[in-house]
Amino acid sequence: MRTIAMTAAAVAILGLAACGQGPAEEAGEAADSAYEQSTTGTTDLGQGPAEETGEAIDEAADGADPVPGDATPAPTTP
């Protein structure tokens, strides 16, 4: 019974951690998982190189202009 509770807690924590991932990090995680599955037949839940790169991209994109060159002009007074 204790093992089931610990497993459920671990799954819940992993689920909460996944909520904060951006799109690039999620894509990197999927790429890492696909690579691991195809080469070893298993999936490691740790961060791989593609996921780390995606996380760096997401962090760099925070606060960046989502559509470059699409800035709203400042209002002018007549």
PDB file of N, CA and C in Angstrom:
ATOM      1  N   MET A   1       0.822  -1.191   0.000  1.00  0.00           N
ATOM      2  CA  MET A   1       0.000   0.000   0.000  1.00  0.00           C
ATOM      3  C   MET A   1       0.871   1.262   0.000  1.00  0.00           C
ATOM      4  N   ARG A   2       1.953   1.225   0.753  1.00  0.00           N
ATOM      5  CA  ARG A   2       2.838   2.378   0.834  1.00  0.00           C
ATOM      6  C   ARG A   2       3.506   2.644  -0.514  1.00  0.00           C
ATOM      7  N   THR A   3       3.856   1.586  -1.240  1.00  0.00           N
ATOM      8  CA  THR A   3       4.477   1.727  -2.553  1.00  0.00           C
ATOM      9  C   THR A   3       3.530   2.400  -3.532  1.00  0.00           C
ATOM     10  N   ILE A   4       2.265   2.045  -3.467  1.00  0.00           N
ATOM     11  CA  ILE A   4       1.267   2.652  -4.352  1.00  0.00           C
ATOM     12  C   ILE A   4       1.137   4.145  -4.052  1.00  0.00           C
ATOM     13  N   ALA A   5       1.127   4.502  -2.783  1.00  0.00           N
ATOM     14  CA  ALA A   5       1.024   5.908  -2.402  1.00  0.00           C
ATOM     15  C   ALA A   5       2.247   6.696  -2.861  1.00  0.00           C
ATOM     16  N   MET A   6       3.429   6.127  -2.723  1.00  0.00           N
ATOM     17  CA  MET A   6       4.657   6.795  -3.156  1.00  0.00           C
ATOM     18  C   MET A   6       4.678   6.958  -4.677  1.00  0.00           C
ATOM     19  N   THR A   7       4.234   5.934  -5.389  1.00  0.00           N
ATOM     20  CA  THR A   7       4.181   6.007  -6.850  1.00  0.00           C
ATOM     21  C   THR A   7       3.194   7.080  -7.294  1.00  0.00           C
ATOM     22  N   ALA A   8       2.040   7.132  -6.659  1.00  0.00           N
ATOM     23  CA  ALA A   8       1.042   8.144  -6.996  1.00  0.00           C
ATOM     24  C   ALA A   8       1.579   9.546  -6.728  1.00  0.00           C
ATOM     25  N   ALA A   9       2.297   9.716  -5.633  1.00  0.00           N
ATOM     26  CA  ALA A   9       2.877  11.021  -5.313  1.00  0.00           C
ATOM     27  C   ALA A   9       3.929  11.422  -6.345  1.00  0.00           C
ATOM     28  N   ALA A  10       4.752  10.465  -6.754  1.00  0.00           N
ATOM     29  CA  ALA A  10       5.777  10.751  -7.765  1.00  0.00           C
ATOM     30  C   ALA A  10       5.141  11.148  -9.088  1.00  0.00           C
ATOM     31  N   VAL A  11       4.095  10.458  -9.487  1.00  0.00           N
ATOM     32  CA  VAL A  11       3.400  10.782 -10.732  1.00  0.00           C
ATOM     33  C   VAL A  11       2.773  12.173 -10.640  1.00  0.00           C
ATOM     34  N   ALA A  12       2.198  12.499  -9.503  1.00  0.00           N
ATOM     35  CA  ALA A  12       1.593  13.818  -9.324  1.00  0.00           C
ATOM     36  C   ALA A  12       2.645  14.923  -9.413  1.00  0.00           C
ATOM     37  N   ILE A  13       3.793  14.705  -8.806  1.00  0.00           N
ATOM     38  CA  ILE A  13       4.865  15.701  -8.843  1.00  0.00           C
ATOM     39  C   ILE A  13       5.372  15.877 -10.271  1.00  0.00           C
ATOM     40  N   LEU A  14       5.551  14.776 -10.984  1.00  0.00           N
ATOM     41  CA  LEU A  14       5.987  14.869 -12.372  1.00  0.00           C
ATOM     42  C   LEU A  14       4.950  15.594 -13.220  1.00  0.00           C
ATOM     43  N   GLY A  15       3.691  15.353 -12.955  1.00  0.00           N
ATOM     44  CA  GLY A  15       2.624  16.036 -13.687  1.00  0.00           C
ATOM     45  C   GLY A  15       2.638  17.527 -13.456  1.00  0.00           C
ATOM     46  N   LEU A  16       2.887  17.945 -12.221  1.00  0.00           N
ATOM     47  CA  LEU A  16       2.962  19.374 -11.914  1.00  0.00           C
ATOM     48  C   LEU A  16       4.190  20.010 -12.539  1.00  0.00           C
ATOM     49  N   ALA A  17       5.279  19.287 -12.565  1.00  0.00           N
ATOM     50  CA  ALA A  17       6.501  19.822 -13.169  1.00  0.00           C
ATOM     51  C   ALA A  17       6.333  20.003 -14.669  1.00  0.00           C
ATOM     52  N   ALA A  18       5.566  19.144 -15.286  1.00  0.00           N
ATOM     53  CA  ALA A  18       5.361  19.233 -16.734  1.00  0.00           C
ATOM     54  C   ALA A  18       4.503  20.428 -17.118  1.00  0.00           C
ATOM     55  N   CYS A  19       3.722  20.966 -16.203  1.00  0.00           N
ATOM     56  CA  CYS A  19       2.852  22.101 -16.521  1.00  0.00           C
ATOM     57  C   CYS A  19       3.639  23.340 -16.896  1.00  0.00           C
ATOM     58  N   GLY A  20       4.823  23.485 -16.391  1.00  0.00           N
ATOM     59  CA  GLY A  20       5.598  24.678 -16.647  1.00  0.00           C
ATOM     60  C   GLY A  20       6.427  24.628 -17.917  1.00  0.00           C
ATOM     61  N   GLN A  21       6.321  23.584 -18.703  1.00  0.00           N
ATOM     62  CA  GLN A  21       7.128  23.465 -19.901  1.00  0.00           C
ATOM     63  C   GLN A  21       6.555  24.299 -21.036  1.00  0.00           C
ATOM     64  N   GLY A  22       7.456  24.924 -21.759  1.00  0.00           N
ATOM     65  CA  GLY A  22       7.051  25.653 -22.951  1.00  0.00           C
ATOM     66  C   GLY A  22       7.036  24.716 -24.146  1.00  0.00           C
ATOM     67  N   PRO A  23       6.606  25.207 -25.296  1.00  0.00           N
ATOM     68  CA  PRO A  23       6.487  24.353 -26.480  1.00  0.00           C
ATOM     69  C   PRO A  23       7.818  23.789 -26.971  1.00  0.00           C
ATOM     70  N   ALA A  24       8.890  24.561 -26.893  1.00  0.00           N
ATOM     71  CA  ALA A  24      10.185  24.059 -27.357  1.00  0.00           C
ATOM     72  C   ALA A  24      10.708  22.973 -26.426  1.00  0.00           C
ATOM     73  N   GLU A  25      10.502  23.153 -25.131  1.00  0.00           N
ATOM     74  CA  GLU A  25      10.949  22.143 -24.169  1.00  0.00           C
ATOM     75  C   GLU A  25      10.162  20.849 -24.345  1.00  0.00           C
ATOM     76  N   GLU A  26       8.850  20.970 -24.581  1.00  0.00           N
ATOM     77  CA  GLU A  26       8.034  19.779 -24.808  1.00  0.00           C
ATOM     78  C   GLU A  26       8.484  19.042 -26.068  1.00  0.00           C
ATOM     79  N   ALA A  27       8.796  19.786 -27.119  1.00  0.00           N
ATOM     80  CA  ALA A  27       9.272  19.169 -28.353  1.00  0.00           C
ATOM     81  C   ALA A  27      10.615  18.472 -28.123  1.00  0.00           C
ATOM     82  N   GLY A  28      11.480  19.107 -27.343  1.00  0.00           N
ATOM     83  CA  GLY A  28      12.771  18.498 -27.024  1.00  0.00           C
ATOM     84  C   GLY A  28      12.615  17.228 -26.213  1.00  0.00           C
ATOM     85  N   GLU A  29      11.693  17.247 -25.265  1.00  0.00           N
ATOM     86  CA  GLU A  29      11.445  16.054 -24.456  1.00  0.00           C
ATOM     87  C   GLU A  29      10.932  14.916 -25.333  1.00  0.00           C
ATOM     88  N   ALA A  30      10.032  15.238 -26.261  1.00  0.00           N
ATOM     89  CA  ALA A  30       9.505  14.210 -27.167  1.00  0.00           C
ATOM     90  C   ALA A  30      10.615  13.653 -28.053  1.00  0.00           C
ATOM     91  N   ALA A  31      11.509  14.521 -28.519  1.00  0.00           N
ATOM     92  CA  ALA A  31      12.626  14.067 -29.357  1.00  0.00           C
ATOM     93  C   ALA A  31      13.567  13.165 -28.561  1.00  0.00           C
ATOM     94  N   ASP A  32      13.885  13.571 -27.327  1.00  0.00           N
ATOM     95  CA  ASP A  32      14.748  12.742 -26.477  1.00  0.00           C
ATOM     96  C   ASP A  32      14.114  11.381 -26.216  1.00  0.00           C
ATOM     97  N   SER A  33      12.825  11.380 -25.895  1.00  0.00           N
ATOM     98  CA  SER A  33      12.130  10.123 -25.604  1.00  0.00           C
ATOM     99  C   SER A  33      12.108   9.216 -26.820  1.00  0.00           C
ATOM    100  N   ALA A  34      11.843   9.780 -27.994  1.00  0.00           N
ATOM    101  CA  ALA A  34      11.808   8.975 -29.219  1.00  0.00           C
ATOM    102  C   ALA A  34      13.183   8.385 -29.520  1.00  0.00           C
ATOM    103  N   TYR A  35      14.230   9.170 -29.325  1.00  0.00           N
ATOM    104  CA  TYR A  35      15.586   8.681 -29.555  1.00  0.00           C
ATOM    105  C   TYR A  35      15.937   7.557 -28.588  1.00  0.00           C
ATOM    106  N   GLU A  36      15.638   7.779 -27.303  1.00  0.00           N
ATOM    107  CA  GLU A  36      15.933   6.759 -26.296  1.00  0.00           C
ATOM    108  C   GLU A  36      15.163   5.477 -26.570  1.00  0.00           C
ATOM    109  N   GLN A  37      13.893   5.609 -26.935  1.00  0.00           N
ATOM    110  CA  GLN A  37      13.064   4.433 -27.198  1.00  0.00           C
ATOM    111  C   GLN A  37      13.611   3.655 -28.398  1.00  0.00           C
ATOM    112  N   SER A  38      14.066   4.375 -29.432  1.00  0.00           N
ATOM    113  CA  SER A  38      14.542   3.690 -30.636  1.00  0.00           C
ATOM    114  C   SER A  38      15.920   3.065 -30.453  1.00  0.00           C
ATOM    115  N   THR A  39      16.742   3.632 -29.572  1.00  0.00           N
ATOM    116  CA  THR A  39      18.092   3.092 -29.407  1.00  0.00           C
ATOM    117  C   THR A  39      18.222   2.097 -28.257  1.00  0.00           C
ATOM    118  N   THR A  40      17.501   2.329 -27.171  1.00  0.00           N
ATOM    119  CA  THR A  40      17.661   1.460 -26.003  1.00  0.00           C
ATOM    120  C   THR A  40      16.419   0.649 -25.683  1.00  0.00           C
ATOM    121  N   GLY A  41      15.275   1.028 -26.256  1.00  0.00           N
ATOM    122  CA  GLY A  41      14.024   0.334 -25.957  1.00  0.00           C
ATOM    123  C   GLY A  41      13.369   0.803 -24.675  1.00  0.00           C
ATOM    124  N   THR A  42      13.975   1.785 -24.007  1.00  0.00           N
ATOM    125  CA  THR A  42      13.401   2.334 -22.783  1.00  0.00           C
ATOM    126  C   THR A  42      13.412   3.860 -22.878  1.00  0.00           C
ATOM    127  N   THR A  43      12.722   4.481 -21.953  1.00  0.00           N
ATOM    128  CA  THR A  43      12.688   5.940 -21.902  1.00  0.00           C
ATOM    129  C   THR A  43      13.159   6.397 -20.538  1.00  0.00           C
ATOM    130  N   ASP A  44      14.186   7.247 -20.519  1.00  0.00           N
ATOM    131  CA  ASP A  44      14.721   7.814 -19.284  1.00  0.00           C
ATOM    132  C   ASP A  44      13.931   9.080 -18.969  1.00  0.00           C
ATOM    133  N   LEU A  45      13.439   9.220 -17.731  1.00  0.00           N
ATOM    134  CA  LEU A  45      12.641  10.382 -17.365  1.00  0.00           C
ATOM    135  C   LEU A  45      13.482  11.624 -17.091  1.00  0.00           C
ATOM    136  N   GLY A  46      14.810  11.499 -17.108  1.00  0.00           N
ATOM    137  CA  GLY A  46      15.671  12.658 -16.897  1.00  0.00           C
ATOM    138  C   GLY A  46      15.724  13.531 -18.134  1.00  0.00           C
ATOM    139  N   GLN A  47      16.273  14.725 -17.989  1.00  0.00           N
ATOM    140  CA  GLN A  47      16.374  15.644 -19.113  1.00  0.00           C
ATOM    141  C   GLN A  47      17.488  15.208 -20.046  1.00  0.00           C
ATOM    142  N   GLY A  48      17.155  15.197 -21.325  1.00  0.00           N
ATOM    143  CA  GLY A  48      18.147  14.909 -22.345  1.00  0.00           C
ATOM    144  C   GLY A  48      18.611  16.201 -22.990  1.00  0.00           C
ATOM    145  N   PRO A  49      19.551  16.106 -23.931  1.00  0.00           N
ATOM    146  CA  PRO A  49      20.101  17.321 -24.539  1.00  0.00           C
ATOM    147  C   PRO A  49      19.083  18.143 -25.327  1.00  0.00           C
ATOM    148  N   ALA A  50      18.166  17.500 -26.035  1.00  0.00           N
ATOM    149  CA  ALA A  50      17.171  18.252 -26.808  1.00  0.00           C
ATOM    150  C   ALA A  50      16.198  18.978 -25.886  1.00  0.00           C
ATOM    151  N   GLU A  51      15.825  18.341 -24.780  1.00  0.00           N
ATOM    152  CA  GLU A  51      14.921  18.996 -23.822  1.00  0.00           C
ATOM    153  C   GLU A  51      15.606  20.193 -23.166  1.00  0.00           C
ATOM    154  N   GLU A  52      16.884  20.057 -22.838  1.00  0.00           N
ATOM    155  CA  GLU A  52      17.614  21.168 -22.233  1.00  0.00           C
ATOM    156  C   GLU A  52      17.712  22.340 -23.207  1.00  0.00           C
ATOM    157  N   THR A  53      17.940  22.035 -24.481  1.00  0.00           N
ATOM    158  CA  THR A  53      17.997  23.083 -25.497  1.00  0.00           C
ATOM    159  C   THR A  53      16.643  23.762 -25.633  1.00  0.00           C
ATOM    160  N   GLY A  54      15.580  22.969 -25.651  1.00  0.00           N
ATOM    161  CA  GLY A  54      14.237  23.534 -25.742  1.00  0.00           C
ATOM    162  C   GLY A  54      13.910  24.423 -24.558  1.00  0.00           C
ATOM    163  N   GLU A  55      14.352  24.013 -23.380  1.00  0.00           N
ATOM    164  CA  GLU A  55      14.128  24.829 -22.188  1.00  0.00           C
ATOM    165  C   GLU A  55      14.853  26.173 -22.311  1.00  0.00           C
ATOM    166  N   ALA A  56      16.082  26.139 -22.830  1.00  0.00           N
ATOM    167  CA  ALA A  56      16.838  27.377 -23.020  1.00  0.00           C
ATOM    168  C   ALA A  56      16.147  28.285 -24.038  1.00  0.00           C
ATOM    169  N   ILE A  57      15.595  27.693 -25.082  1.00  0.00           N
ATOM    170  CA  ILE A  57      14.872  28.476 -26.097  1.00  0.00           C
ATOM    171  C   ILE A  57      13.645  29.121 -25.476  1.00  0.00           C
ATOM    172  N   ASP A  58      12.888  28.348 -24.703  1.00  0.00           N
ATOM    173  CA  ASP A  58      11.691  28.891 -24.058  1.00  0.00           C
ATOM    174  C   ASP A  58      12.040  30.030 -23.111  1.00  0.00           C
ATOM    175  N   GLU A  59      13.121  29.873 -22.350  1.00  0.00           N
ATOM    176  CA  GLU A  59      13.526  30.925 -21.415  1.00  0.00           C
ATOM    177  C   GLU A  59      13.954  32.180 -22.166  1.00  0.00           C
ATOM    178  N   ALA A  60      14.649  32.012 -23.295  1.00  0.00           N
ATOM    179  CA  ALA A  60      15.082  33.155 -24.080  1.00  0.00           C
ATOM    180  C   ALA A  60      13.893  33.855 -24.733  1.00  0.00           C
ATOM    181  N   ALA A  61      12.863  33.100 -25.052  1.00  0.00           N
ATOM    182  CA  ALA A  61      11.696  33.662 -25.729  1.00  0.00           C
ATOM    183  C   ALA A  61      10.744  34.367 -24.766  1.00  0.00           C
ATOM    184  N   ASP A  62      10.859  34.128 -23.471  1.00  0.00           N
ATOM    185  CA  ASP A  62       9.989  34.807 -22.508  1.00  0.00           C
ATOM    186  C   ASP A  62      10.196  36.311 -22.606  1.00  0.00           C
ATOM    187  N   GLY A  63       9.120  37.016 -22.844  1.00  0.00           N
ATOM    188  CA  GLY A  63       9.192  38.462 -22.943  1.00  0.00           C
ATOM    189  C   GLY A  63       9.575  38.960 -24.318  1.00  0.00           C
ATOM    190  N   ALA A  64       9.917  38.058 -25.232  1.00  0.00           N
ATOM    191  CA  ALA A  64      10.276  38.478 -26.578  1.00  0.00           C
ATOM    192  C   ALA A  64       9.020  38.789 -27.375  1.00  0.00           C
ATOM    193  N   ASP A  65       9.165  39.602 -28.402  1.00  0.00           N
ATOM    194  CA  ASP A  65       8.053  39.950 -29.279  1.00  0.00           C
ATOM    195  C   ASP A  65       7.609  38.684 -30.010  1.00  0.00           C
ATOM    196  N   PRO A  66       6.351  38.210 -29.801  1.00  0.00           N
ATOM    197  CA  PRO A  66       5.919  36.963 -30.419  1.00  0.00           C
ATOM    198  C   PRO A  66       5.876  37.031 -31.939  1.00  0.00           C
ATOM    199  N   VAL A  67       5.654  38.211 -32.495  1.00  0.00           N
ATOM    200  CA  VAL A  67       5.664  38.389 -33.949  1.00  0.00           C
ATOM    201  C   VAL A  67       6.660  39.499 -34.246  1.00  0.00           C
ATOM    202  N   PRO A  68       7.901  39.132 -34.582  1.00  0.00           N
ATOM    203  CA  PRO A  68       8.905  40.164 -34.817  1.00  0.00           C
ATOM    204  C   PRO A  68       8.442  41.168 -35.875  1.00  0.00           C
ATOM    205  N   GLY A  69       8.674  42.449 -35.617  1.00  0.00           N
ATOM    206  CA  GLY A  69       8.296  43.487 -36.556  1.00  0.00           C
ATOM    207  C   GLY A  69       6.849  43.913 -36.451  1.00  0.00           C
ATOM    208  N   ASP A  70       6.086  43.297 -35.542  1.00  0.00           N
ATOM    209  CA  ASP A  70       4.676  43.606 -35.406  1.00  0.00           C
ATOM    210  C   ASP A  70       4.445  44.467 -34.169  1.00  0.00           C
ATOM    211  N   ALA A  71       5.232  45.512 -34.027  1.00  0.00           N
ATOM    212  CA  ALA A  71       5.112  46.391 -32.863  1.00  0.00           C
ATOM    213  C   ALA A  71       3.970  47.381 -33.100  1.00  0.00           C
ATOM    214  N   THR A  72       3.232  47.624 -32.065  1.00  0.00           N
ATOM    215  CA  THR A  72       2.165  48.617 -32.125  1.00  0.00           C
ATOM    216  C   THR A  72       2.780  49.994 -32.005  1.00  0.00           C
ATOM    217  N   PRO A  73       2.489  50.892 -32.952  1.00  0.00           N
ATOM    218  CA  PRO A  73       3.090  52.224 -32.868  1.00  0.00           C
ATOM    219  C   PRO A  73       2.590  52.989 -31.657  1.00  0.00           C
ATOM    220  N   ALA A  74       3.430  53.835 -31.146  1.00  0.00           N
ATOM    221  CA  ALA A  74       3.050  54.666 -29.992  1.00  0.00           C
ATOM    222  C   ALA A  74       1.981  55.662 -30.416  1.00  0.00           C
ATOM    223  N   PRO A  75       1.025  55.927 -29.545  1.00  0.00           N
ATOM    224  CA  PRO A  75      -0.016  56.888 -29.892  1.00  0.00           C
ATOM    225  C   PRO A  75       0.569  58.289 -30.020  1.00  0.00           C
ATOM    226  N   THR A  76       0.034  59.039 -30.952  1.00  0.00           N
ATOM    227  CA  THR A  76       0.492  60.416 -31.152  1.00  0.00           C
ATOM    228  C   THR A  76      -0.612  61.377 -30.738  1.00  0.00           C
ATOM    229  N   THR A  77      -0.229  62.524 -30.246  1.00  0.00           N
ATOM    230  CA  THR A  77      -1.215  63.534 -29.867  1.00  0.00           C
ATOM    231  C   THR A  77      -1.289  64.579 -30.970  1.00  0.00           C
ATOM    232  N   PRO A  78      -2.485  64.954 -31.369  1.00  0.00           N
ATOM    233  CA  PRO A  78      -2.620  65.941 -32.462  1.00  0.00           C
ATOM    234  C   PRO A  78      -2.232  67.331 -32.066  1.00  0.00           C
TER     235      PRO A  78
END
